[in-house]
Amino acid sequence: MVKGVVASLEVTAMLQDGRRVDIKASIRPPHPEADRWISSVLIKPLQEKPIEVRGVDSFHALWLACSLVLKLLAQLKESGARLENPDGTEFPLDAYLSGLDGKP
């Protein structure tokens, strides 16, 4: 894990046109700012600069940051991309999303 990163994820998106996109998502620890907490999310190569996610507390900011990464991956999958782990096996997106809608 990269120093200063609380969570990271590497996924390869195999697009319908045959292109391969290696995605590296990293989330920095939340920090307080005024009456909010901020966590920075960087998703390379899809972003040049980190996105700042704001929550009511550190847990909320981290939860929103993780949710942002998962929503992006879900959108890629819905558009027809195959998501893979670095070893070429299928990325278990459904396992990551399991329970978010109240279902196990």
N, C-alpha and C. Protein backbone atom coordinates (compact mmCIF):
# COMPACT_ATOMS: atom_id res chain seq x y z
N MET A 1 0.84 -1.18 0.00
CA MET A 1 0.00 0.00 0.00
C MET A 1 0.89 1.25 0.00
N VAL A 2 0.47 2.26 -0.71
CA VAL A 2 1.20 3.50 -0.82
C VAL A 2 1.10 4.27 0.50
N LYS A 3 2.19 4.92 0.90
CA LYS A 3 2.19 5.70 2.13
C LYS A 3 1.14 6.80 2.06
N GLY A 4 0.40 6.98 3.13
CA GLY A 4 -0.64 8.00 3.16
C GLY A 4 -1.94 7.57 2.51
N VAL A 5 -2.04 6.30 2.17
CA VAL A 5 -3.26 5.77 1.55
C VAL A 5 -3.90 4.80 2.52
N VAL A 6 -5.19 5.00 2.78
CA VAL A 6 -5.90 4.12 3.71
C VAL A 6 -6.49 2.91 3.01
N ALA A 7 -6.77 3.03 1.71
CA ALA A 7 -7.33 1.92 0.94
C ALA A 7 -6.93 2.09 -0.52
N SER A 8 -6.71 0.96 -1.19
CA SER A 8 -6.39 1.01 -2.61
C SER A 8 -6.95 -0.24 -3.29
N LEU A 9 -7.10 -0.13 -4.59
CA LEU A 9 -7.70 -1.21 -5.37
C LEU A 9 -7.15 -1.15 -6.79
N GLU A 10 -6.79 -2.30 -7.34
CA GLU A 10 -6.34 -2.38 -8.73
C GLU A 10 -7.26 -3.31 -9.50
N VAL A 11 -7.79 -2.81 -10.59
CA VAL A 11 -8.72 -3.56 -11.42
C VAL A 11 -8.39 -3.26 -12.89
N THR A 12 -8.50 -4.27 -13.73
CA THR A 12 -8.33 -4.07 -15.16
C THR A 12 -9.70 -4.12 -15.81
N ALA A 13 -10.01 -3.11 -16.61
CA ALA A 13 -11.26 -3.08 -17.37
C ALA A 13 -10.95 -3.47 -18.80
N MET A 14 -11.57 -4.55 -19.25
CA MET A 14 -11.45 -4.98 -20.65
C MET A 14 -12.68 -4.42 -21.37
N LEU A 15 -12.45 -3.38 -22.15
CA LEU A 15 -13.55 -2.69 -22.81
C LEU A 15 -14.06 -3.47 -24.01
N GLN A 16 -15.26 -3.17 -24.43
CA GLN A 16 -15.88 -3.90 -25.56
C GLN A 16 -15.10 -3.74 -26.86
N ASP A 17 -14.38 -2.63 -27.01
CA ASP A 17 -13.61 -2.43 -28.24
C ASP A 17 -12.24 -3.11 -28.19
N GLY A 18 -11.99 -3.89 -27.11
CA GLY A 18 -10.75 -4.63 -26.98
C GLY A 18 -9.66 -3.91 -26.20
N ARG A 19 -9.88 -2.64 -25.90
CA ARG A 19 -8.88 -1.91 -25.12
C ARG A 19 -8.83 -2.41 -23.68
N ARG A 20 -7.65 -2.33 -23.12
CA ARG A 20 -7.41 -2.73 -21.73
C ARG A 20 -7.04 -1.47 -20.95
N VAL A 21 -7.75 -1.23 -19.83
CA VAL A 21 -7.47 -0.08 -19.00
C VAL A 21 -7.16 -0.57 -17.58
N ASP A 22 -5.93 -0.34 -17.14
CA ASP A 22 -5.53 -0.70 -15.78
C ASP A 22 -5.90 0.44 -14.85
N ILE A 23 -6.82 0.17 -13.95
CA ILE A 23 -7.35 1.19 -13.04
C ILE A 23 -6.73 1.00 -11.67
N LYS A 24 -6.22 2.10 -11.13
CA LYS A 24 -5.66 2.09 -9.78
C LYS A 24 -6.38 3.16 -8.97
N ALA A 25 -7.16 2.70 -8.00
CA ALA A 25 -7.90 3.63 -7.14
C ALA A 25 -7.19 3.70 -5.79
N SER A 26 -7.04 4.90 -5.28
CA SER A 26 -6.45 5.06 -3.95
C SER A 26 -7.23 6.11 -3.18
N ILE A 27 -7.38 5.85 -1.89
CA ILE A 27 -8.14 6.72 -1.01
C ILE A 27 -7.25 7.16 0.15
N ARG A 28 -7.17 8.44 0.35
CA ARG A 28 -6.37 8.99 1.46
C ARG A 28 -7.24 9.05 2.72
N PRO A 29 -6.59 8.99 3.88
CA PRO A 29 -7.36 9.05 5.14
C PRO A 29 -8.16 10.35 5.25
N PRO A 30 -9.35 10.27 5.82
CA PRO A 30 -10.15 11.48 6.02
C PRO A 30 -9.46 12.44 6.99
N HIS A 31 -9.69 13.73 6.76
CA HIS A 31 -9.17 14.75 7.67
C HIS A 31 -10.24 15.83 7.85
N PRO A 32 -10.27 16.44 9.04
CA PRO A 32 -11.30 17.45 9.30
C PRO A 32 -10.99 18.77 8.60
N GLU A 33 -12.06 19.42 8.17
CA GLU A 33 -11.96 20.76 7.59
C GLU A 33 -13.26 21.48 7.90
N ALA A 34 -13.17 22.54 8.69
CA ALA A 34 -14.36 23.28 9.15
C ALA A 34 -15.31 22.30 9.83
N ASP A 35 -16.55 22.20 9.35
CA ASP A 35 -17.53 21.32 9.98
C ASP A 35 -17.71 20.01 9.21
N ARG A 36 -16.77 19.67 8.32
CA ARG A 36 -16.85 18.46 7.50
C ARG A 36 -15.55 17.67 7.61
N TRP A 37 -15.60 16.45 7.11
CA TRP A 37 -14.42 15.63 6.95
C TRP A 37 -14.23 15.37 5.46
N ILE A 38 -12.98 15.37 5.01
CA ILE A 38 -12.68 15.21 3.59
C ILE A 38 -11.76 14.01 3.39
N SER A 39 -12.08 13.22 2.38
CA SER A 39 -11.21 12.12 1.95
C SER A 39 -10.99 12.29 0.46
N SER A 40 -9.73 12.18 0.04
CA SER A 40 -9.40 12.34 -1.38
C SER A 40 -9.35 10.98 -2.07
N VAL A 41 -9.94 10.93 -3.26
CA VAL A 41 -9.99 9.71 -4.06
C VAL A 41 -9.32 9.99 -5.40
N LEU A 42 -8.36 9.14 -5.76
CA LEU A 42 -7.72 9.26 -7.06
C LEU A 42 -7.92 7.95 -7.81
N ILE A 43 -8.44 8.04 -9.02
CA ILE A 43 -8.71 6.87 -9.84
C ILE A 43 -7.95 7.06 -11.16
N LYS A 44 -6.76 6.45 -11.23
CA LYS A 44 -5.92 6.59 -12.42
C LYS A 44 -6.23 5.45 -13.37
N PRO A 45 -6.21 5.65 -14.65
CA PRO A 45 -5.88 6.86 -15.40
C PRO A 45 -7.11 7.71 -15.72
N LEU A 46 -8.21 7.46 -15.05
CA LEU A 46 -9.45 8.16 -15.37
C LEU A 46 -9.50 9.59 -14.85
N GLN A 47 -8.64 9.92 -13.91
CA GLN A 47 -8.60 11.27 -13.34
C GLN A 47 -7.17 11.78 -13.32
N GLU A 48 -7.04 13.07 -13.49
CA GLU A 48 -5.74 13.72 -13.36
C GLU A 48 -5.52 14.17 -11.92
N LYS A 49 -6.60 14.61 -11.28
CA LYS A 49 -6.52 15.15 -9.92
C LYS A 49 -7.48 14.39 -9.01
N PRO A 50 -7.15 14.32 -7.72
CA PRO A 50 -8.05 13.65 -6.77
C PRO A 50 -9.40 14.36 -6.65
N ILE A 51 -10.42 13.57 -6.36
CA ILE A 51 -11.74 14.11 -6.05
C ILE A 51 -11.85 14.18 -4.53
N GLU A 52 -12.28 15.30 -4.00
CA GLU A 52 -12.47 15.43 -2.56
C GLU A 52 -13.91 15.07 -2.21
N VAL A 53 -14.05 14.06 -1.38
CA VAL A 53 -15.37 13.61 -0.93
C VAL A 53 -15.57 14.13 0.48
N ARG A 54 -16.73 14.73 0.72
CA ARG A 54 -17.00 15.35 2.02
C ARG A 54 -18.08 14.57 2.78
N GLY A 55 -17.79 14.31 4.04
CA GLY A 55 -18.73 13.61 4.89
C GLY A 55 -18.95 14.35 6.20
N VAL A 56 -19.93 13.92 6.97
CA VAL A 56 -20.22 14.56 8.25
C VAL A 56 -19.22 14.17 9.32
N ASP A 57 -18.56 13.02 9.14
CA ASP A 57 -17.50 12.59 10.05
C ASP A 57 -16.51 11.74 9.25
N SER A 58 -15.47 11.25 9.89
CA SER A 58 -14.45 10.50 9.17
C SER A 58 -15.00 9.21 8.56
N PHE A 59 -15.85 8.51 9.29
CA PHE A 59 -16.44 7.27 8.78
C PHE A 59 -17.25 7.55 7.52
N HIS A 60 -18.06 8.58 7.56
CA HIS A 60 -18.91 8.93 6.42
C HIS A 60 -18.07 9.32 5.20
N ALA A 61 -17.01 10.10 5.40
CA ALA A 61 -16.15 10.51 4.29
C ALA A 61 -15.48 9.29 3.65
N LEU A 62 -15.01 8.36 4.48
CA LEU A 62 -14.37 7.16 3.96
C LEU A 62 -15.39 6.27 3.23
N TRP A 63 -16.58 6.15 3.80
CA TRP A 63 -17.65 5.36 3.17
C TRP A 63 -18.00 5.93 1.79
N LEU A 64 -18.13 7.24 1.71
CA LEU A 64 -18.46 7.88 0.43
C LEU A 64 -17.34 7.69 -0.60
N ALA A 65 -16.10 7.75 -0.14
CA ALA A 65 -14.96 7.57 -1.03
C ALA A 65 -14.97 6.15 -1.62
N CYS A 66 -15.17 5.16 -0.78
CA CYS A 66 -15.24 3.77 -1.26
C CYS A 66 -16.43 3.58 -2.21
N SER A 67 -17.56 4.16 -1.86
CA SER A 67 -18.77 4.06 -2.69
C SER A 67 -18.54 4.66 -4.07
N LEU A 68 -17.80 5.77 -4.13
CA LEU A 68 -17.51 6.41 -5.40
C LEU A 68 -16.73 5.46 -6.32
N VAL A 69 -15.72 4.80 -5.78
CA VAL A 69 -14.93 3.85 -6.58
C VAL A 69 -15.81 2.71 -7.07
N LEU A 70 -16.63 2.15 -6.19
CA LEU A 70 -17.49 1.03 -6.57
C LEU A 70 -18.53 1.44 -7.61
N LYS A 71 -19.08 2.64 -7.50
CA LYS A 71 -20.06 3.12 -8.49
C LYS A 71 -19.40 3.25 -9.86
N LEU A 72 -18.18 3.76 -9.89
CA LEU A 72 -17.47 3.88 -11.16
C LEU A 72 -17.26 2.50 -11.79
N LEU A 73 -16.83 1.53 -10.98
CA LEU A 73 -16.63 0.18 -11.51
C LEU A 73 -17.94 -0.43 -11.99
N ALA A 74 -19.02 -0.19 -11.26
CA ALA A 74 -20.33 -0.70 -11.67
C ALA A 74 -20.76 -0.09 -13.00
N GLN A 75 -20.49 1.20 -13.20
CA GLN A 75 -20.83 1.85 -14.46
C GLN A 75 -20.02 1.26 -15.62
N LEU A 76 -18.75 0.97 -15.38
CA LEU A 76 -17.94 0.34 -16.41
C LEU A 76 -18.50 -1.03 -16.78
N LYS A 77 -18.86 -1.80 -15.77
CA LYS A 77 -19.41 -3.14 -16.01
C LYS A 77 -20.73 -3.05 -16.76
N GLU A 78 -21.59 -2.11 -16.38
CA GLU A 78 -22.89 -1.93 -17.05
C GLU A 78 -22.72 -1.51 -18.51
N SER A 79 -21.60 -0.84 -18.81
CA SER A 79 -21.36 -0.42 -20.19
C SER A 79 -20.76 -1.54 -21.04
N GLY A 80 -20.56 -2.71 -20.41
CA GLY A 80 -20.08 -3.86 -21.16
C GLY A 80 -18.65 -4.26 -20.90
N ALA A 81 -17.95 -3.55 -20.03
CA ALA A 81 -16.57 -3.90 -19.72
C ALA A 81 -16.51 -5.14 -18.82
N ARG A 82 -15.49 -5.94 -19.04
CA ARG A 82 -15.21 -7.06 -18.13
C ARG A 82 -14.18 -6.56 -17.13
N LEU A 83 -14.47 -6.72 -15.85
CA LEU A 83 -13.56 -6.29 -14.81
C LEU A 83 -12.74 -7.48 -14.33
N GLU A 84 -11.42 -7.28 -14.27
CA GLU A 84 -10.54 -8.36 -13.89
C GLU A 84 -9.60 -7.94 -12.76
N ASN A 85 -9.22 -8.92 -11.94
CA ASN A 85 -8.17 -8.73 -10.95
C ASN A 85 -6.84 -8.68 -11.68
N PRO A 86 -5.77 -8.23 -11.00
CA PRO A 86 -4.45 -8.21 -11.66
C PRO A 86 -3.99 -9.57 -12.19
N ASP A 87 -4.49 -10.67 -11.60
CA ASP A 87 -4.08 -12.00 -12.07
C ASP A 87 -4.94 -12.52 -13.23
N GLY A 88 -5.89 -11.70 -13.72
CA GLY A 88 -6.71 -12.08 -14.86
C GLY A 88 -8.03 -12.73 -14.51
N THR A 89 -8.24 -13.06 -13.23
CA THR A 89 -9.53 -13.62 -12.82
C THR A 89 -10.58 -12.52 -12.76
N GLU A 90 -11.83 -12.92 -12.80
CA GLU A 90 -12.92 -11.94 -12.77
C GLU A 90 -12.93 -11.19 -11.43
N PHE A 91 -13.04 -9.87 -11.51
CA PHE A 91 -13.13 -9.05 -10.30
C PHE A 91 -14.51 -9.26 -9.69
N PRO A 92 -14.60 -9.57 -8.38
CA PRO A 92 -15.88 -9.90 -7.75
C PRO A 92 -16.67 -8.65 -7.32
N LEU A 93 -17.08 -7.85 -8.28
CA LEU A 93 -17.80 -6.61 -7.97
C LEU A 93 -19.06 -6.89 -7.15
N ASP A 94 -19.79 -7.95 -7.49
CA ASP A 94 -21.02 -8.25 -6.76
C ASP A 94 -20.74 -8.51 -5.28
N ALA A 95 -19.61 -9.12 -4.97
CA ALA A 95 -19.24 -9.36 -3.57
C ALA A 95 -18.97 -8.04 -2.85
N TYR A 96 -18.35 -7.09 -3.54
CA TYR A 96 -18.08 -5.79 -2.94
C TYR A 96 -19.39 -5.03 -2.68
N LEU A 97 -20.35 -5.19 -3.59
CA LEU A 97 -21.62 -4.48 -3.48
C LEU A 97 -22.63 -5.21 -2.60
N SER A 98 -22.38 -6.46 -2.29
CA SER A 98 -23.31 -7.28 -1.51
C SER A 98 -23.62 -6.60 -0.18
N GLY A 99 -24.90 -6.54 0.11
CA GLY A 99 -25.33 -5.98 1.38
C GLY A 99 -25.65 -4.49 1.32
N LEU A 100 -25.21 -3.80 0.29
CA LEU A 100 -25.47 -2.35 0.23
C LEU A 100 -26.94 -2.02 0.02
N ASP A 101 -27.68 -2.95 -0.57
CA ASP A 101 -29.11 -2.72 -0.80
C ASP A 101 -29.96 -3.44 0.23
N GLY A 102 -29.35 -3.86 1.33
CA GLY A 102 -30.09 -4.54 2.38
C GLY A 102 -30.19 -6.03 2.18
N LYS A 103 -29.55 -6.55 1.13
CA LYS A 103 -29.57 -7.98 0.84
C LYS A 103 -28.21 -8.56 1.15
N PRO A 104 -28.15 -9.81 1.59
CA PRO A 104 -26.85 -10.43 1.88
C PRO A 104 -26.07 -10.76 0.63
